[in-house]
Amino acid sequence: MAAKLMARARIHNGVDLTALSDLIAEVKANPELGKLQVQAHAQWQGGGRCVIRLSPPGENGGTESPPFSIAADSLSSLVADQGAANAGQLLLAALASDLVAGFVRNASQRGIRIESLDIETDGVLELDHQLGLRESPDEGLGGISVNLRVDADNNVEQLEDLWSEAQQTSPIISLLRTSGRISFSCTVVRSKQRAD
């Protein structure tokens, strides 16, 4: 009974603090464990629609587990509601999800109880650039705004510090800021009907 109470006491805001502490110790001892291979594979379905398979994080993109799938449409969904998210929405969703996780992790480690937490992300997609009407995006246009709304049992300054720390430790923000590291490759395949 005491063991169950101790285990329950180590769960805060739905975060298993014992498992989190163990993970931090493992990554500190072996930094390579903190580098997760993540993969997304988009398969065209016609028009601007594709199905994206997201492999769970892990070695080789988590091939030991079945992938998650989501539908996306970054062409027709920009001009009409086609029931699928566009690329901008998926990017903002990834950012919001990452910041929720960072804020909750930091709050839980400090024993701060969260009653509610919402993150809203906004951005501007430049259709004229995507449609080939302009060679390069405007430097001053667009951008992303992120707003946190939180009810937690701590003072405003401490919650603002947690919000700042969530941003500083966000892998998605880090990836966006270092996007100069993106590499591209192309493999051309020919169907047997079209082979030269």
Protein backbone atom coordinates (compact mmCIF):
# COMPACT_ATOMS: atom_id res chain seq x y z
CA MET A 1 0.00 0.00 0.00
CA ALA A 2 2.80 2.44 0.90
CA ALA A 3 4.55 1.68 -2.41
CA LYS A 4 1.36 2.57 -4.31
CA LEU A 5 1.07 5.85 -2.41
CA MET A 6 4.71 6.69 -3.15
CA ALA A 7 4.20 5.87 -6.85
CA ARG A 8 1.09 8.05 -6.94
CA ALA A 9 2.97 10.92 -5.29
CA ARG A 10 5.52 10.86 -8.14
CA ILE A 11 2.82 11.63 -10.73
CA HIS A 12 2.27 15.38 -11.10
CA ASN A 13 0.06 16.99 -13.77
CA GLY A 14 -0.03 13.56 -15.43
CA VAL A 15 3.79 13.44 -15.67
CA ASP A 16 5.61 10.43 -14.20
CA LEU A 17 8.40 12.30 -12.44
CA THR A 18 10.31 9.13 -11.59
CA ALA A 19 10.45 8.07 -15.24
CA LEU A 20 11.34 11.65 -16.27
CA SER A 21 14.13 11.80 -13.68
CA ASP A 22 15.45 8.43 -14.89
CA LEU A 23 15.39 9.64 -18.51
CA ILE A 24 17.26 12.84 -17.61
CA ALA A 25 19.92 10.79 -15.79
CA GLU A 26 20.27 8.41 -18.76
CA VAL A 27 20.64 11.23 -21.28
CA LYS A 28 23.10 13.05 -19.01
CA ALA A 29 25.21 9.87 -18.80
CA ASN A 30 24.91 9.13 -22.53
CA PRO A 31 24.00 12.25 -24.60
CA GLU A 32 23.47 10.14 -27.74
CA LEU A 33 20.29 8.76 -26.11
CA GLY A 34 18.86 12.29 -26.30
CA LYS A 35 18.95 12.28 -30.09
CA LEU A 36 15.78 10.68 -31.42
CA GLN A 37 15.35 9.90 -35.09
CA VAL A 38 11.96 11.18 -36.23
CA GLN A 39 10.48 10.59 -39.65
CA ALA A 40 7.49 11.67 -41.69
CA HIS A 41 6.61 10.08 -45.02
CA ALA A 42 4.06 11.86 -47.22
CA GLN A 43 2.39 9.79 -49.94
CA TRP A 44 0.49 11.74 -52.60
CA GLN A 45 -3.22 10.90 -52.93
CA GLY A 46 -4.13 13.27 -55.78
CA GLY A 47 -4.48 17.04 -56.01
CA GLY A 48 -2.67 18.60 -53.06
CA ARG A 49 -3.74 15.80 -50.72
CA CYS A 50 -1.36 13.36 -49.09
CA VAL A 51 -1.35 10.88 -46.25
CA ILE A 52 1.53 11.39 -43.85
CA ARG A 53 2.88 8.46 -41.86
CA LEU A 54 4.66 9.60 -38.71
CA SER A 55 7.00 7.01 -37.26
CA PRO A 56 7.21 6.99 -33.47
CA PRO A 57 10.52 8.48 -32.26
CA GLY A 58 13.35 6.03 -31.75
CA GLU A 59 16.11 4.25 -33.55
CA ASN A 60 15.47 4.03 -37.28
CA GLY A 61 12.48 6.29 -36.92
CA GLY A 62 10.74 3.92 -34.53
CA THR A 63 10.24 1.15 -37.07
CA GLU A 64 9.53 -1.26 -34.22
CA SER A 65 6.12 0.40 -33.69
CA PRO A 66 3.33 1.05 -36.19
CA PRO A 67 3.28 4.59 -37.62
CA PHE A 68 0.65 7.22 -36.93
CA SER A 69 -1.18 8.63 -39.95
CA ILE A 70 -2.70 12.03 -40.69
CA ALA A 71 -4.20 13.50 -43.85
CA ALA A 72 -2.98 16.83 -45.20
CA ASP A 73 -3.86 19.01 -48.15
CA SER A 74 -1.67 22.05 -48.69
CA LEU A 75 -3.23 23.03 -51.99
CA SER A 76 -7.02 22.82 -52.00
CA SER A 77 -7.30 23.36 -48.22
CA LEU A 78 -5.77 26.81 -48.72
CA VAL A 79 -8.71 27.96 -50.84
CA ALA A 80 -11.55 25.79 -49.53
CA ASP A 81 -12.36 23.64 -46.52
CA GLN A 82 -11.43 20.12 -47.62
CA GLY A 83 -11.34 18.59 -44.14
CA ALA A 84 -7.54 18.16 -44.07
CA ALA A 85 -4.89 20.30 -42.41
CA ASN A 86 -2.46 22.31 -44.52
CA ALA A 87 1.29 22.45 -43.90
CA GLY A 88 1.07 25.73 -41.97
CA GLN A 89 -1.50 24.29 -39.58
CA LEU A 90 0.59 21.16 -39.05
CA LEU A 91 3.67 23.28 -38.27
CA LEU A 92 1.74 25.42 -35.78
CA ALA A 93 0.24 22.28 -34.20
CA ALA A 94 3.72 20.79 -33.74
CA LEU A 95 4.94 24.01 -32.12
CA ALA A 96 1.93 24.23 -29.77
CA SER A 97 2.23 20.57 -28.75
CA ASP A 98 5.94 20.94 -28.05
CA LEU A 99 5.41 24.04 -25.90
CA VAL A 100 2.61 22.37 -23.91
CA ALA A 101 4.97 19.47 -23.13
CA GLY A 102 7.81 21.79 -22.13
CA PHE A 103 5.66 23.94 -19.87
CA VAL A 104 4.04 20.93 -18.17
CA ARG A 105 7.41 19.20 -17.67
CA ASN A 106 8.94 22.29 -16.07
CA ALA A 107 5.90 22.95 -13.88
CA SER A 108 5.69 19.32 -12.76
CA GLN A 109 9.36 19.18 -11.82
CA ARG A 110 8.81 22.23 -9.59
CA GLY A 111 5.64 20.83 -7.98
CA ILE A 112 3.39 23.44 -9.61
CA ARG A 113 -0.17 22.19 -10.14
CA ILE A 114 -1.77 23.19 -13.44
CA GLU A 115 -5.55 23.64 -13.57
CA SER A 116 -5.75 24.52 -17.27
CA LEU A 117 -3.34 25.35 -20.06
CA ASP A 118 -4.04 26.48 -23.63
CA ILE A 119 -1.58 27.55 -26.29
CA GLU A 120 -2.76 29.35 -29.42
CA THR A 121 -0.44 29.68 -32.39
CA ASP A 122 -1.05 31.97 -35.35
CA GLY A 123 0.83 32.46 -38.58
CA VAL A 124 0.42 33.89 -42.05
CA LEU A 125 0.79 31.73 -45.15
CA GLU A 126 1.89 33.65 -48.22
CA LEU A 127 -0.13 32.19 -51.09
CA ASP A 128 1.44 34.39 -53.74
CA HIS A 129 4.82 32.86 -52.92
CA GLN A 130 3.48 29.28 -52.91
CA LEU A 131 1.64 29.86 -56.19
CA GLY A 132 4.79 31.10 -57.90
CA LEU A 133 3.65 34.72 -58.18
CA ARG A 134 6.66 36.02 -56.27
CA GLU A 135 10.22 34.69 -56.24
CA SER A 136 10.95 34.97 -52.54
CA PRO A 137 8.92 35.47 -49.38
CA ASP A 138 8.78 38.93 -47.82
CA GLU A 139 11.17 39.15 -44.89
CA GLY A 140 8.84 41.36 -42.84
CA LEU A 141 5.60 39.51 -43.53
CA GLY A 142 4.22 36.54 -41.71
CA GLY A 143 5.93 35.14 -38.69
CA ILE A 144 4.40 33.11 -35.91
CA SER A 145 2.74 34.37 -32.75
CA VAL A 146 2.22 32.13 -29.74
CA ASN A 147 -0.02 32.88 -26.78
CA LEU A 148 -0.12 30.89 -23.54
CA ARG A 149 -3.17 30.97 -21.28
CA VAL A 150 -2.59 29.17 -18.01
CA ASP A 151 -4.27 28.70 -14.63
CA ALA A 152 -1.78 27.30 -12.14
CA ASP A 153 -1.03 27.51 -8.43
CA ASN A 154 1.91 29.90 -8.60
CA ASN A 155 2.63 33.60 -8.96
CA VAL A 156 2.71 35.37 -12.32
CA GLU A 157 6.49 35.91 -12.41
CA GLN A 158 7.23 32.22 -11.79
CA LEU A 159 4.75 31.14 -14.46
CA GLU A 160 6.29 33.61 -16.91
CA ASP A 161 9.71 32.11 -16.10
CA LEU A 162 8.33 28.62 -16.82
CA TRP A 163 6.95 29.88 -20.14
CA SER A 164 10.33 31.35 -21.05
CA GLU A 165 12.08 28.09 -20.11
CA ALA A 166 9.61 26.07 -22.21
CA GLN A 167 10.55 28.24 -25.20
CA GLN A 168 14.30 27.99 -24.52
CA THR A 169 14.18 24.18 -24.26
CA SER A 170 11.78 23.57 -27.16
CA PRO A 171 13.24 21.22 -29.80
CA ILE A 172 10.76 22.56 -32.37
CA ILE A 173 11.78 26.18 -31.80
CA SER A 174 15.42 25.12 -32.00
CA LEU A 175 14.71 23.30 -35.27
CA LEU A 176 12.90 26.33 -36.71
CA ARG A 177 15.73 28.67 -35.73
CA THR A 178 18.39 26.42 -37.26
CA SER A 179 16.43 25.67 -40.41
CA GLY A 180 19.54 26.49 -42.46
CA ARG A 181 20.52 22.89 -41.76
CA ILE A 182 17.81 21.45 -44.00
CA SER A 183 19.18 19.20 -46.72
CA PHE A 184 17.27 18.13 -49.81
CA SER A 185 17.67 15.19 -52.15
CA CYS A 186 15.68 13.79 -55.07
CA THR A 187 15.25 10.25 -56.35
CA VAL A 188 13.51 9.85 -59.71
CA VAL A 189 11.69 6.58 -60.32
CA ARG A 190 9.98 5.54 -63.51
CA SER A 191 7.00 3.22 -63.74
CA LYS A 192 7.47 0.29 -66.10
CA GLN A 193 4.94 1.87 -68.49
CA ARG A 194 7.02 5.07 -68.78
CA ALA A 195 10.52 3.54 -68.68
CA ASP A 196 12.77 4.77 -71.52
